PDB file of N, CA and C in Angstrom:
ATOM      1  N   MET A   1      -6.885  12.388  15.506  1.00  0.00           N
ATOM      2  CA  MET A   1      -5.609  12.048  15.121  1.00  0.00           C
ATOM      3  C   MET A   1      -5.910  10.730  14.548  1.00  0.00           C
ATOM      4  N   LEU A   2      -5.126  10.043  13.341  1.00  0.00           N
ATOM      5  CA  LEU A   2      -5.692   8.941  12.839  1.00  0.00           C
ATOM      6  C   LEU A   2      -4.502   7.948  13.700  1.00  0.00           C
ATOM      7  N   LEU A   3      -4.602   6.479  13.909  1.00  0.00           N
ATOM      8  CA  LEU A   3      -4.130   5.934  14.701  1.00  0.00           C
ATOM      9  C   LEU A   3      -3.588   5.043  13.430  1.00  0.00           C
ATOM     10  N   ILE A   4      -2.518   4.397  12.923  1.00  0.00           N
ATOM     11  CA  ILE A   4      -2.065   3.487  12.177  1.00  0.00           C
ATOM     12  C   ILE A   4      -1.481   2.376  12.621  1.00  0.00           C
ATOM     13  N   ASP A   5      -1.901   0.867  12.692  1.00  0.00           N
ATOM     14  CA  ASP A   5      -1.672  -0.268  13.225  1.00  0.00           C
ATOM     15  C   ASP A   5      -0.409  -1.331  12.401  1.00  0.00           C
ATOM     16  N   CYS A   6       0.760  -0.305  13.023  1.00  0.00           N
ATOM     17  CA  CYS A   6       2.210  -0.437  11.884  1.00  0.00           C
ATOM     18  C   CYS A   6       1.874  -2.396  12.487  1.00  0.00           C
ATOM     19  N   PRO A   7       2.148  -3.479  11.900  1.00  0.00           N
ATOM     20  CA  PRO A   7       1.885  -4.981  11.949  1.00  0.00           C
ATOM     21  C   PRO A   7       3.254  -5.263  12.717  1.00  0.00           C
ATOM     22  N   TYR A   8       4.050  -4.213  13.265  1.00  0.00           N
ATOM     23  CA  TYR A   8       5.341  -4.746  14.170  1.00  0.00           C
ATOM     24  C   TYR A   8       5.285  -4.141  15.269  1.00  0.00           C
ATOM     25  N   CYS A   9       5.099  -3.199  15.748  1.00  0.00           N
ATOM     26  CA  CYS A   9       4.653  -2.076  16.326  1.00  0.00           C
ATOM     27  C   CYS A   9       3.631  -1.835  17.103  1.00  0.00           C
ATOM     28  N   GLY A  10       2.301  -1.931  16.555  1.00  0.00           N
ATOM     29  CA  GLY A  10       1.085  -1.968  17.166  1.00  0.00           C
ATOM     30  C   GLY A  10       0.557  -0.236  16.600  1.00  0.00           C
ATOM     31  N   LYS A  11      -0.392  -0.199  17.539  1.00  0.00           N
ATOM     32  CA  LYS A  11      -0.789   1.473  16.905  1.00  0.00           C
ATOM     33  C   LYS A  11      -0.633   2.498  17.373  1.00  0.00           C
ATOM     34  N   ARG A  12      -0.168   3.607  16.279  1.00  0.00           N
ATOM     35  CA  ARG A  12       0.977   4.859  16.627  1.00  0.00           C
ATOM     36  C   ARG A  12       0.138   5.825  15.828  1.00  0.00           C
ATOM     37  N   PRO A  13       0.274   7.273  16.204  1.00  0.00           N
ATOM     38  CA  PRO A  13      -0.054   8.048  15.769  1.00  0.00           C
ATOM     39  C   PRO A  13       0.374   8.481  14.200  1.00  0.00           C
ATOM     40  N   GLU A  14      -0.496   8.719  13.142  1.00  0.00           N
ATOM     41  CA  GLU A  14      -0.230   9.269  11.911  1.00  0.00           C
ATOM     42  C   GLU A  14       1.166   9.635  11.669  1.00  0.00           C
ATOM     43  N   ILE A  15       1.733  10.473  12.442  1.00  0.00           N
ATOM     44  CA  ILE A  15       2.808  11.099  12.167  1.00  0.00           C
ATOM     45  C   ILE A  15       3.961  10.764  12.367  1.00  0.00           C
ATOM     46  N   GLU A  16       3.911   9.482  12.515  1.00  0.00           N
ATOM     47  CA  GLU A  16       5.113   8.533  12.672  1.00  0.00           C
ATOM     48  C   GLU A  16       5.283   7.778  11.256  1.00  0.00           C
ATOM     49  N   PHE A  17       4.416   7.988  10.476  1.00  0.00           N
ATOM     50  CA  PHE A  17       4.465   7.123   9.010  1.00  0.00           C
ATOM     51  C   PHE A  17       4.431   8.016   7.929  1.00  0.00           C
ATOM     52  N   THR A  18       5.142   7.473   6.881  1.00  0.00           N
ATOM     53  CA  THR A  18       5.580   7.901   5.873  1.00  0.00           C
ATOM     54  C   THR A  18       4.766   7.310   4.639  1.00  0.00           C
ATOM     55  N   TYR A  19       3.799   7.768   3.405  1.00  0.00           N
ATOM     56  CA  TYR A  19       3.203   7.082   2.588  1.00  0.00           C
ATOM     57  C   TYR A  19       4.426   6.585   1.408  1.00  0.00           C
ATOM     58  N   GLY A  20       3.871   5.095   0.994  1.00  0.00           N
ATOM     59  CA  GLY A  20       4.934   4.998   0.214  1.00  0.00           C
ATOM     60  C   GLY A  20       4.679   4.566  -1.352  1.00  0.00           C
ATOM     61  N   GLY A  21       3.566   4.803  -1.773  1.00  0.00           N
ATOM     62  CA  GLY A  21       2.784   4.698  -3.114  1.00  0.00           C
ATOM     63  C   GLY A  21       1.552   3.183  -2.999  1.00  0.00           C
ATOM     64  N   GLN A  22       1.521   2.827  -4.020  1.00  0.00           N
ATOM     65  CA  GLN A  22       0.451   1.745  -4.448  1.00  0.00           C
ATOM     66  C   GLN A  22       1.205   0.611  -3.677  1.00  0.00           C
ATOM     67  N   ALA A  23       0.786  -0.499  -3.443  1.00  0.00           N
ATOM     68  CA  ALA A  23       1.189  -1.955  -3.004  1.00  0.00           C
ATOM     69  C   ALA A  23       1.041  -2.950  -4.063  1.00  0.00           C
ATOM     70  N   HIS A  24       2.086  -3.615  -4.363  1.00  0.00           N
ATOM     71  CA  HIS A  24       1.638  -4.947  -5.139  1.00  0.00           C
ATOM     72  C   HIS A  24       2.002  -4.339  -6.281  1.00  0.00           C
ATOM     73  N   VAL A  25       3.193  -3.277  -6.683  1.00  0.00           N
ATOM     74  CA  VAL A  25       3.592  -3.169  -7.902  1.00  0.00           C
ATOM     75  C   VAL A  25       4.836  -4.360  -7.933  1.00  0.00           C
ATOM     76  N   ALA A  26       4.847  -5.263  -9.039  1.00  0.00           N
ATOM     77  CA  ALA A  26       6.024  -5.613  -9.854  1.00  0.00           C
ATOM     78  C   ALA A  26       7.054  -4.724 -10.491  1.00  0.00           C
ATOM     79  N   ARG A  27       8.016  -5.173  -9.662  1.00  0.00           N
ATOM     80  CA  ARG A  27       9.493  -4.532 -10.635  1.00  0.00           C
ATOM     81  C   ARG A  27       9.455  -5.270 -11.782  1.00  0.00           C
ATOM     82  N   PRO A  28      10.109  -4.615 -13.339  1.00  0.00           N
ATOM     83  CA  PRO A  28      10.003  -5.314 -14.258  1.00  0.00           C
ATOM     84  C   PRO A  28      11.538  -6.542 -14.480  1.00  0.00           C
ATOM     85  N   SER A  29      11.248  -7.973 -14.498  1.00  0.00           N
ATOM     86  CA  SER A  29      12.380  -8.914 -14.190  1.00  0.00           C
ATOM     87  C   SER A  29      13.939  -8.229 -15.121  1.00  0.00           C
ATOM     88  N   ASP A  30      13.941  -7.490 -15.977  1.00  0.00           N
ATOM     89  CA  ASP A  30      14.830  -6.927 -16.934  1.00  0.00           C
ATOM     90  C   ASP A  30      14.431  -5.790 -17.098  1.00  0.00           C
ATOM     91  N   PRO A  31      14.553  -5.143 -16.260  1.00  0.00           N
ATOM     92  CA  PRO A  31      14.396  -3.063 -16.751  1.00  0.00           C
ATOM     93  C   PRO A  31      14.910  -2.739 -18.193  1.00  0.00           C
ATOM     94  N   GLY A  32      16.354  -3.184 -18.291  1.00  0.00           N
ATOM     95  CA  GLY A  32      17.200  -2.803 -19.366  1.00  0.00           C
ATOM     96  C   GLY A  32      16.651  -3.291 -20.887  1.00  0.00           C
ATOM     97  N   LEU A  33      15.269  -4.370 -20.617  1.00  0.00           N
ATOM     98  CA  LEU A  33      14.866  -4.315 -22.121  1.00  0.00           C
ATOM     99  C   LEU A  33      13.624  -3.543 -22.223  1.00  0.00           C
ATOM    100  N   LEU A  34      13.378  -3.020 -21.346  1.00  0.00           N
ATOM    101  CA  LEU A  34      12.040  -1.904 -21.695  1.00  0.00           C
ATOM    102  C   LEU A  34      12.401  -0.453 -22.874  1.00  0.00           C
ATOM    103  N   ASP A  35      10.988  -0.298 -23.229  1.00  0.00           N
ATOM    104  CA  ASP A  35      11.277   0.871 -24.119  1.00  0.00           C
ATOM    105  C   ASP A  35      11.070   1.777 -22.873  1.00  0.00           C
ATOM    106  N   ASP A  36      10.807   3.379 -23.677  1.00  0.00           N
ATOM    107  CA  ASP A  36      11.057   4.416 -22.472  1.00  0.00           C
ATOM    108  C   ASP A  36       9.772   4.631 -22.570  1.00  0.00           C
ATOM    109  N   GLN A  37       8.411   4.131 -23.244  1.00  0.00           N
ATOM    110  CA  GLN A  37       7.266   4.161 -22.788  1.00  0.00           C
ATOM    111  C   GLN A  37       6.474   3.127 -21.317  1.00  0.00           C
ATOM    112  N   SER A  38       7.136   1.894 -21.333  1.00  0.00           N
ATOM    113  CA  SER A  38       6.991   0.835 -20.847  1.00  0.00           C
ATOM    114  C   SER A  38       7.623   1.126 -19.677  1.00  0.00           C
ATOM    115  N   TRP A  39       8.876   2.072 -19.393  1.00  0.00           N
ATOM    116  CA  TRP A  39       9.322   2.356 -18.239  1.00  0.00           C
ATOM    117  C   TRP A  39       8.833   3.370 -17.422  1.00  0.00           C
ATOM    118  N   ALA A  40       7.894   4.139 -18.231  1.00  0.00           N
ATOM    119  CA  ALA A  40       7.614   5.585 -17.847  1.00  0.00           C
ATOM    120  C   ALA A  40       6.202   4.871 -16.952  1.00  0.00           C
ATOM    121  N   GLU A  41       5.707   3.891 -17.694  1.00  0.00           N
ATOM    122  CA  GLU A  41       4.463   2.993 -17.440  1.00  0.00           C
ATOM    123  C   GLU A  41       4.483   2.801 -15.828  1.00  0.00           C
ATOM    124  N   TYR A  42       5.612   1.960 -15.489  1.00  0.00           N
ATOM    125  CA  TYR A  42       6.094   1.454 -14.531  1.00  0.00           C
ATOM    126  C   TYR A  42       6.246   2.581 -13.252  1.00  0.00           C
ATOM    127  N   LEU A  43       6.913   3.546 -13.829  1.00  0.00           N
ATOM    128  CA  LEU A  43       7.472   4.760 -12.977  1.00  0.00           C
ATOM    129  C   LEU A  43       6.309   5.233 -12.586  1.00  0.00           C
ATOM    130  N   TYR A  44       5.493   5.743 -13.271  1.00  0.00           N
ATOM    131  CA  TYR A  44       4.567   7.019 -12.833  1.00  0.00           C
ATOM    132  C   TYR A  44       3.314   6.442 -12.569  1.00  0.00           C
ATOM    133  N   MET A  45       2.852   5.519 -13.708  1.00  0.00           N
ATOM    134  CA  MET A  45       1.118   5.157 -13.740  1.00  0.00           C
ATOM    135  C   MET A  45       0.652   4.140 -12.868  1.00  0.00           C
ATOM    136  N   ARG A  46      -0.283   4.784 -12.102  1.00  0.00           N
ATOM    137  CA  ARG A  46      -0.616   4.210 -10.862  1.00  0.00           C
ATOM    138  C   ARG A  46      -2.248   4.095 -10.846  1.00  0.00           C
ATOM    139  N   ALA A  47      -2.972   3.333 -10.122  1.00  0.00           N
ATOM    140  CA  ALA A  47      -4.126   2.982 -10.010  1.00  0.00           C
ATOM    141  C   ALA A  47      -4.751   4.231  -9.307  1.00  0.00           C
ATOM    142  N   ASN A  48      -5.648   4.928  -9.533  1.00  0.00           N
ATOM    143  CA  ASN A  48      -6.587   6.098  -8.636  1.00  0.00           C
ATOM    144  C   ASN A  48      -7.580   5.761  -8.114  1.00  0.00           C
ATOM    145  N   THR A  49      -7.584   4.721  -7.611  1.00  0.00           N
ATOM    146  CA  THR A  49      -8.794   3.871  -7.107  1.00  0.00           C
ATOM    147  C   THR A  49      -9.926   4.581  -6.153  1.00  0.00           C
ATOM    148  N   LYS A  50     -11.157   4.906  -6.446  1.00  0.00           N
ATOM    149  CA  LYS A  50     -12.409   5.460  -5.677  1.00  0.00           C
ATOM    150  C   LYS A  50     -12.707   3.986  -4.454  1.00  0.00           C
ATOM    151  N   GLY A  51     -12.313   4.029  -3.558  1.00  0.00           N
ATOM    152  CA  GLY A  51     -12.523   3.297  -2.412  1.00  0.00           C
ATOM    153  C   GLY A  51     -11.649   2.249  -1.989  1.00  0.00           C
ATOM    154  N   VAL A  52     -11.344   1.075  -1.642  1.00  0.00           N
ATOM    155  CA  VAL A  52     -10.597   0.781  -1.405  1.00  0.00           C
ATOM    156  C   VAL A  52      -9.101   0.650  -1.737  1.00  0.00           C
ATOM    157  N   HIS A  53      -7.560   0.633  -1.134  1.00  0.00           N
ATOM    158  CA  HIS A  53      -6.773   0.745  -2.407  1.00  0.00           C
ATOM    159  C   HIS A  53      -5.200   0.179  -1.675  1.00  0.00           C
ATOM    160  N   ALA A  54      -4.688  -0.897  -1.914  1.00  0.00           N
ATOM    161  CA  ALA A  54      -3.441  -1.485  -1.288  1.00  0.00           C
ATOM    162  C   ALA A  54      -2.450  -0.080  -1.480  1.00  0.00           C
ATOM    163  N   GLU A  55      -2.096   0.128  -0.137  1.00  0.00           N
ATOM    164  CA  GLU A  55      -0.943   1.343  -0.253  1.00  0.00           C
ATOM    165  C   GLU A  55       0.156   0.500   0.569  1.00  0.00           C
ATOM    166  N   ARG A  56       1.775   1.319   0.195  1.00  0.00           N
ATOM    167  CA  ARG A  56       2.828   0.786   1.127  1.00  0.00           C
ATOM    168  C   ARG A  56       3.215   1.934   2.069  1.00  0.00           C
ATOM    169  N   TRP A  57       3.245   1.826   3.346  1.00  0.00           N
ATOM    170  CA  TRP A  57       3.599   2.482   4.075  1.00  0.00           C
ATOM    171  C   TRP A  57       4.782   2.609   5.112  1.00  0.00           C
ATOM    172  N   ARG A  58       5.800   3.452   5.426  1.00  0.00           N
ATOM    173  CA  ARG A  58       6.759   2.595   6.527  1.00  0.00           C
ATOM    174  C   ARG A  58       6.913   3.802   7.597  1.00  0.00           C
ATOM    175  N   HIS A  59       7.163   2.697   8.524  1.00  0.00           N
ATOM    176  CA  HIS A  59       6.781   3.471   9.886  1.00  0.00           C
ATOM    177  C   HIS A  59       8.383   4.278  10.252  1.00  0.00           C
ATOM    178  N   ALA A  60       8.411   5.486   9.758  1.00  0.00           N
ATOM    179  CA  ALA A  60       9.654   6.607   9.508  1.00  0.00           C
ATOM    180  C   ALA A  60      10.469   6.395  10.818  1.00  0.00           C
ATOM    181  N   HIS A  61       9.045   6.522  12.037  1.00  0.00           N
ATOM    182  CA  HIS A  61       9.742   6.853  13.419  1.00  0.00           C
ATOM    183  C   HIS A  61       9.393   6.090  14.057  1.00  0.00           C
ATOM    184  N   GLY A  62       9.352   5.048  14.030  1.00  0.00           N
ATOM    185  CA  GLY A  62       9.335   3.689  14.699  1.00  0.00           C
ATOM    186  C   GLY A  62      10.475   2.884  14.027  1.00  0.00           C
ATOM    187  N   CYS A  63      10.059   1.575  13.771  1.00  0.00           N
ATOM    188  CA  CYS A  63      10.501   0.339  13.430  1.00  0.00           C
ATOM    189  C   CYS A  63      11.322   0.641  12.108  1.00  0.00           C
ATOM    190  N   ALA A  64      10.904   1.762  11.715  1.00  0.00           N
ATOM    191  CA  ALA A  64      11.422   1.941   9.854  1.00  0.00           C
ATOM    192  C   ALA A  64      11.428   0.898   8.915  1.00  0.00           C
ATOM    193  N   ARG A  65      10.397  -0.227   9.227  1.00  0.00           N
ATOM    194  CA  ARG A  65       9.960  -0.815   8.300  1.00  0.00           C
ATOM    195  C   ARG A  65       9.034  -0.747   7.167  1.00  0.00           C
ATOM    196  N   PHE A  66       8.301  -1.474   5.890  1.00  0.00           N
ATOM    197  CA  PHE A  66       7.754  -0.744   5.386  1.00  0.00           C
ATOM    198  C   PHE A  66       6.531  -1.915   5.762  1.00  0.00           C
ATOM    199  N   PHE A  67       5.308  -1.532   4.968  1.00  0.00           N
ATOM    200  CA  PHE A  67       4.570  -2.775   5.515  1.00  0.00           C
ATOM    201  C   PHE A  67       2.840  -2.251   4.347  1.00  0.00           C
ATOM    202  N   ASN A  68       2.288  -2.992   4.124  1.00  0.00           N
ATOM    203  CA  ASN A  68       0.847  -2.663   3.636  1.00  0.00           C
ATOM    204  C   ASN A  68      -0.095  -2.182   3.931  1.00  0.00           C
ATOM    205  N   ALA A  69      -1.114  -1.539   3.422  1.00  0.00           N
ATOM    206  CA  ALA A  69      -2.155  -0.893   4.132  1.00  0.00           C
ATOM    207  C   ALA A  69      -3.545  -1.175   3.372  1.00  0.00           C
ATOM    208  N   LEU A  70      -4.555  -1.396   3.638  1.00  0.00           N
ATOM    209  CA  LEU A  70      -5.903  -1.228   2.708  1.00  0.00           C
ATOM    210  C   LEU A  70      -6.712   0.060   3.040  1.00  0.00           C
ATOM    211  N   ARG A  71      -6.716   0.712   2.359  1.00  0.00           N
ATOM    212  CA  ARG A  71      -7.390   2.191   2.721  1.00  0.00           C
ATOM    213  C   ARG A  71      -8.561   2.741   1.883  1.00  0.00           C
ATOM    214  N   ASP A  72      -9.540   3.061   2.645  1.00  0.00           N
ATOM    215  CA  ASP A  72     -10.931   3.656   1.697  1.00  0.00           C
ATOM    216  C   ASP A  72     -10.622   4.562   1.683  1.00  0.00           C
ATOM    217  N   THR A  73     -10.473   5.237   0.141  1.00  0.00           N
ATOM    218  CA  THR A  73      -9.694   6.775  -0.135  1.00  0.00           C
ATOM    219  C   THR A  73     -11.116   7.484  -0.032  1.00  0.00           C
ATOM    220  N   THR A  74     -12.701   7.098   0.095  1.00  0.00           N
ATOM    221  CA  THR A  74     -13.406   8.033   0.278  1.00  0.00           C
ATOM    222  C   THR A  74     -13.254   8.580   1.510  1.00  0.00           C
ATOM    223  N   SER A  75     -12.962   7.849   2.616  1.00  0.00           N
ATOM    224  CA  SER A  75     -13.060   7.738   4.132  1.00  0.00           C
ATOM    225  C   SER A  75     -11.898   8.081   4.755  1.00  0.00           C
ATOM    226  N   ASP A  76     -10.773   8.033   3.897  1.00  0.00           N
ATOM    227  CA  ASP A  76      -9.353   7.812   4.421  1.00  0.00           C
ATOM    228  C   ASP A  76      -9.294   7.122   5.761  1.00  0.00           C
ATOM    229  N   ARG A  77     -10.284   5.911   5.849  1.00  0.00           N
ATOM    230  CA  ARG A  77      -9.861   5.087   7.114  1.00  0.00           C
ATOM    231  C   ARG A  77      -9.199   3.750   6.031  1.00  0.00           C
ATOM    232  N   ILE A  78      -8.263   3.548   6.832  1.00  0.00           N
ATOM    233  CA  ILE A  78      -7.481   2.224   6.895  1.00  0.00           C
ATOM    234  C   ILE A  78      -8.247   1.175   7.805  1.00  0.00           C
ATOM    235  N   LEU A  79      -8.334   0.246   6.687  1.00  0.00           N
ATOM    236  CA  LEU A  79      -9.191  -0.875   6.975  1.00  0.00           C
ATOM    237  C   LEU A  79      -8.337  -2.164   7.387  1.00  0.00           C
ATOM    238  N   ALA A  80      -7.423  -2.314   7.022  1.00  0.00           N
ATOM    239  CA  ALA A  80      -6.486  -3.548   7.210  1.00  0.00           C
ATOM    240  C   ALA A  80      -5.086  -3.421   7.188  1.00  0.00           C
ATOM    241  N   THR A  81      -3.951  -3.513   8.102  1.00  0.00           N
ATOM    242  CA  THR A  81      -2.524  -3.692   7.543  1.00  0.00           C
ATOM    243  C   THR A  81      -1.962  -5.087   7.536  1.00  0.00           C
ATOM    244  N   TYR A  82      -0.875  -5.291   6.870  1.00  0.00           N
ATOM    245  CA  TYR A  82      -0.337  -6.261   6.815  1.00  0.00           C
ATOM    246  C   TYR A  82       1.226  -6.269   6.546  1.00  0.00           C
ATOM    247  N   LYS A  83       1.902  -7.226   6.881  1.00  0.00           N
ATOM    248  CA  LYS A  83       3.242  -7.140   6.486  1.00  0.00           C
ATOM    249  C   LYS A  83       3.811  -7.499   5.115  1.00  0.00           C
ATOM    250  N   THR A  84       4.706  -6.708   4.653  1.00  0.00           N
ATOM    251  CA  THR A  84       4.962  -6.564   3.208  1.00  0.00           C
ATOM    252  C   THR A  84       5.317  -8.019   2.962  1.00  0.00           C
ATOM    253  N   GLY A  85       4.843  -8.516   1.621  1.00  0.00           N
ATOM    254  CA  GLY A  85       5.392  -9.948   1.382  1.00  0.00           C
ATOM    255  C   GLY A  85       3.774 -11.095   1.506  1.00  0.00           C
ATOM    256  N   GLU A  86       2.828 -10.514   2.497  1.00  0.00           N
ATOM    257  CA  GLU A  86       1.813 -11.356   2.888  1.00  0.00           C
ATOM    258  C   GLU A  86       0.886 -11.423   1.830  1.00  0.00           C
ATOM    259  N   PRO A  87      -0.013 -12.202   1.409  1.00  0.00           N
ATOM    260  CA  PRO A  87      -1.009 -11.864   0.430  1.00  0.00           C
ATOM    261  C   PRO A  87      -1.801 -10.597   1.123  1.00  0.00           C
ATOM    262  N   ARG A  88      -2.905 -10.022   0.054  1.00  0.00           N
ATOM    263  CA  ARG A  88      -3.621  -9.036   0.748  1.00  0.00           C
ATOM    264  C   ARG A  88      -4.718  -9.591   1.264  1.00  0.00           C
ATOM    265  N   PRO A  89      -5.168  -8.842   2.393  1.00  0.00           N
ATOM    266  CA  PRO A  89      -6.323  -9.790   3.503  1.00  0.00           C
ATOM    267  C   PRO A  89      -7.541  -9.829   2.402  1.00  0.00           C
ATOM    268  N   GLN A  90      -8.523 -10.551   2.576  1.00  0.00           N
ATOM    269  CA  GLN A  90      -9.878 -10.184   2.536  1.00  0.00           C
ATOM    270  C   GLN A  90     -10.666  -9.728   3.493  1.00  0.00           C
ATOM    271  N   LEU A  91     -11.153  -8.781   2.636  1.00  0.00           N
ATOM    272  CA  LEU A  91     -12.199  -7.812   3.686  1.00  0.00           C
ATOM    273  C   LEU A  91     -13.334  -8.407   3.428  1.00  0.00           C
ATOM    274  N   ALA A  92     -14.549  -8.508   3.891  1.00  0.00           N
ATOM    275  CA  ALA A  92     -15.730  -8.273   4.294  1.00  0.00           C
ATOM    276  C   ALA A  92     -16.423  -7.770   2.715  1.00  0.00           C
ATOM    277  N   ALA A  93     -16.205  -6.955   2.691  1.00  0.00           N
ATOM    278  CA  ALA A  93     -16.503  -6.050   1.262  1.00  0.00           C
ATOM    279  C   ALA A  93     -15.890  -6.367   0.182  1.00  0.00           C
ATOM    280  N   ASP A  94     -14.940  -6.801  -0.129  1.00  0.00           N
ATOM    281  CA  ASP A  94     -14.278  -7.500  -1.421  1.00  0.00           C
ATOM    282  C   ASP A  94     -14.929  -8.956  -1.518  1.00  0.00           C
ATOM    283  N   ALA A  95     -15.694  -9.461  -0.698  1.00  0.00           N
ATOM    284  CA  ALA A  95     -16.172 -10.834  -1.049  1.00  0.00           C
ATOM    285  C   ALA A  95     -16.994 -11.003  -2.266  1.00  0.00           C
ATOM    286  N   GLY A  96     -17.721  -9.960  -2.501  1.00  0.00           N
ATOM    287  CA  GLY A  96     -18.562 -10.405  -3.802  1.00  0.00           C
ATOM    288  C   GLY A  96     -18.083  -9.340  -4.732  1.00  0.00           C
ATOM    289  N   SER A  97     -16.772  -8.902  -4.659  1.00  0.00           N
ATOM    290  CA  SER A  97     -16.330  -8.327  -5.963  1.00  0.00           C
ATOM    291  C   SER A  97     -15.137  -9.067  -6.582  1.00  0.00           C
ATOM    292  N   GLY A  98     -14.873 -10.613  -6.041  1.00  0.00           N
ATOM    293  CA  GLY A  98     -13.592 -10.809  -6.807  1.00  0.00           C
ATOM    294  C   GLY A  98     -12.266 -10.552  -6.555  1.00  0.00           C
ATOM    295  N   ARG A  99     -12.165  -9.527  -5.594  1.00  0.00           N
ATOM    296  CA  ARG A  99     -10.520  -9.110  -5.241  1.00  0.00           C
ATOM    297  C   ARG A  99     -10.098  -9.847  -4.670  1.00  0.00           C
TER     298      ARG A  99
END
């Protein structure tokens, strides 16, 4: 079983968590000004990264808080977790890629 390190509660089994989508997606400041195409892109278009991907998770059966995780989509390993609002942590593998 995969253990996920909740930044608020510590390591817990994956069945306590729910996936919340791609992290760091900024909501439009005035959604009413968007045309249908722009609104659809905001709602549905997400990066489908092969490799390290920033995701939102919720500790649904624990503290119920959202947090972010860096997950390697090729191995399904969670490399880091951090609180919502904190900057994405720099991983050793990211250092040469400019992320």
